[in-house]
């Protein structure tokens, strides 16, 4: 069994000026927000969750992206409310947030 129940990878890549990238959409701030959110929820989040920074995940055209393992579910998001929904539904309750899921 893995030490972590979930690994959450946020693409925080920053490309050259003018090129589309996740960090242009505040990905670094959203990653920090998610990390604080998971920590604040404490025992409400089952198991151990690791919020990770990732380099380019090569999905720049889909807006800011994150992927949650072991399920390998990819999400896009716009704001803190989307992050709240992903944390609450996916990490706490084990339900995929279909409206934010990308293929």
Protein backbone atom coordinates (compact mmCIF):
# COMPACT_ATOMS: atom_id res chain seq x y z
CA UNK A 1 0.00 0.00 0.00
CA UNK A 2 1.22 3.48 -0.88
CA UNK A 3 2.01 6.00 1.83
CA UNK A 4 -0.27 8.48 0.05
CA UNK A 5 -3.89 7.78 -0.80
CA UNK A 6 -3.82 10.46 -3.51
CA UNK A 7 -1.17 12.41 -5.36
CA UNK A 8 -2.47 15.64 -6.85
CA UNK A 9 -0.24 17.18 -9.52
CA UNK A 10 -0.78 20.82 -10.51
CA UNK A 11 0.89 21.94 -13.70
CA UNK A 12 2.62 25.18 -12.71
CA UNK A 13 4.73 25.52 -15.83
CA UNK A 14 5.68 29.01 -16.95
CA UNK A 15 6.45 29.38 -20.65
CA UNK A 16 7.99 32.31 -22.46
CA UNK A 17 5.97 35.51 -22.64
CA UNK A 18 2.98 35.16 -24.94
CA UNK A 19 2.88 31.37 -24.93
CA UNK A 20 -0.11 29.62 -23.34
CA UNK A 21 0.70 27.95 -20.04
CA UNK A 22 -1.00 26.96 -16.81
CA UNK A 23 0.87 29.43 -14.64
CA UNK A 24 -0.59 32.31 -16.67
CA UNK A 25 -3.91 31.25 -15.11
CA UNK A 26 -2.66 31.37 -11.52
CA UNK A 27 -1.82 27.67 -11.23
CA UNK A 28 0.83 28.25 -8.57
CA UNK A 29 -1.63 30.14 -6.39
CA UNK A 30 -4.33 27.50 -6.91
CA UNK A 31 -1.88 24.76 -5.94
CA UNK A 32 -1.04 26.62 -2.72
CA UNK A 33 -4.75 27.13 -2.07
CA UNK A 34 -5.47 23.40 -2.56
CA UNK A 35 -2.62 22.45 -0.24
CA UNK A 36 -3.94 24.77 2.48
CA UNK A 37 -7.50 23.50 1.92
CA UNK A 38 -6.49 19.85 2.32
CA UNK A 39 -4.45 20.67 5.42
CA UNK A 40 -7.36 22.62 6.95
CA UNK A 41 -9.77 19.73 6.35
CA UNK A 42 -7.46 17.41 8.29
CA UNK A 43 -9.07 14.06 9.10
CA UNK A 44 -12.08 14.80 6.85
CA UNK A 45 -9.79 13.86 3.95
CA UNK A 46 -9.29 10.09 4.17
CA UNK A 47 -5.70 8.86 4.06
CA UNK A 48 -2.69 10.95 3.19
CA UNK A 49 -2.91 13.38 0.28
CA UNK A 50 0.11 14.95 -1.36
CA UNK A 51 -0.37 18.18 -3.32
CA UNK A 52 2.50 18.37 -5.81
CA UNK A 53 3.93 20.91 -8.20
CA UNK A 54 4.53 19.55 -11.67
CA UNK A 55 6.34 20.95 -14.64
CA UNK A 56 4.56 20.99 -17.96
CA UNK A 57 1.88 18.30 -18.20
CA UNK A 58 1.48 19.09 -21.93
CA UNK A 59 -2.21 20.05 -21.80
CA UNK A 60 -1.75 23.83 -22.06
CA UNK A 61 -4.60 24.28 -24.52
CA UNK A 62 -7.10 23.04 -21.91
CA UNK A 63 -6.40 25.84 -19.45
CA UNK A 64 -4.85 25.22 -16.06
CA UNK A 65 -4.79 21.49 -15.39
CA UNK A 66 -4.26 19.07 -12.55
CA UNK A 67 -4.28 15.29 -12.37
CA UNK A 68 -5.16 13.09 -9.40
CA UNK A 69 -3.61 9.66 -8.95
CA UNK A 70 -4.12 6.76 -8.51
CA UNK A 71 -7.34 7.30 -10.50
CA UNK A 72 -5.53 9.32 -13.22
CA UNK A 73 -8.40 11.81 -13.41
CA UNK A 74 -7.54 15.07 -15.19
CA UNK A 75 -9.26 18.31 -14.24
CA UNK A 76 -9.30 21.89 -15.38
CA UNK A 77 -10.39 24.68 -13.08
CA UNK A 78 -11.06 28.41 -13.08
CA UNK A 79 -11.13 29.56 -9.47
CA UNK A 80 -11.04 28.59 -5.81
CA UNK A 81 -14.63 27.37 -5.94
CA UNK A 82 -13.60 24.78 -8.54
CA UNK A 83 -10.69 23.69 -6.32
CA UNK A 84 -13.06 23.46 -3.34
CA UNK A 85 -15.39 21.23 -5.36
CA UNK A 86 -12.57 18.94 -6.52
CA UNK A 87 -11.17 18.61 -2.99
CA UNK A 88 -14.57 18.03 -1.40
CA UNK A 89 -15.98 15.67 -4.01
CA UNK A 90 -12.94 13.76 -5.25
CA UNK A 91 -10.58 13.71 -2.28
CA UNK A 92 -13.11 13.62 0.56
CA UNK A 93 -16.00 11.67 -0.99
CA UNK A 94 -14.31 9.76 -3.82
CA UNK A 95 -16.61 11.16 -6.53
CA UNK A 96 -15.31 12.47 -9.83
CA UNK A 97 -16.35 16.04 -10.65
CA UNK A 98 -17.63 15.44 -14.17
CA UNK A 99 -18.12 19.11 -15.06
CA UNK A 100 -14.40 19.82 -14.54
CA UNK A 101 -13.02 16.52 -15.83
CA UNK A 102 -11.08 16.51 -19.09
CA UNK A 103 -10.25 13.49 -21.22
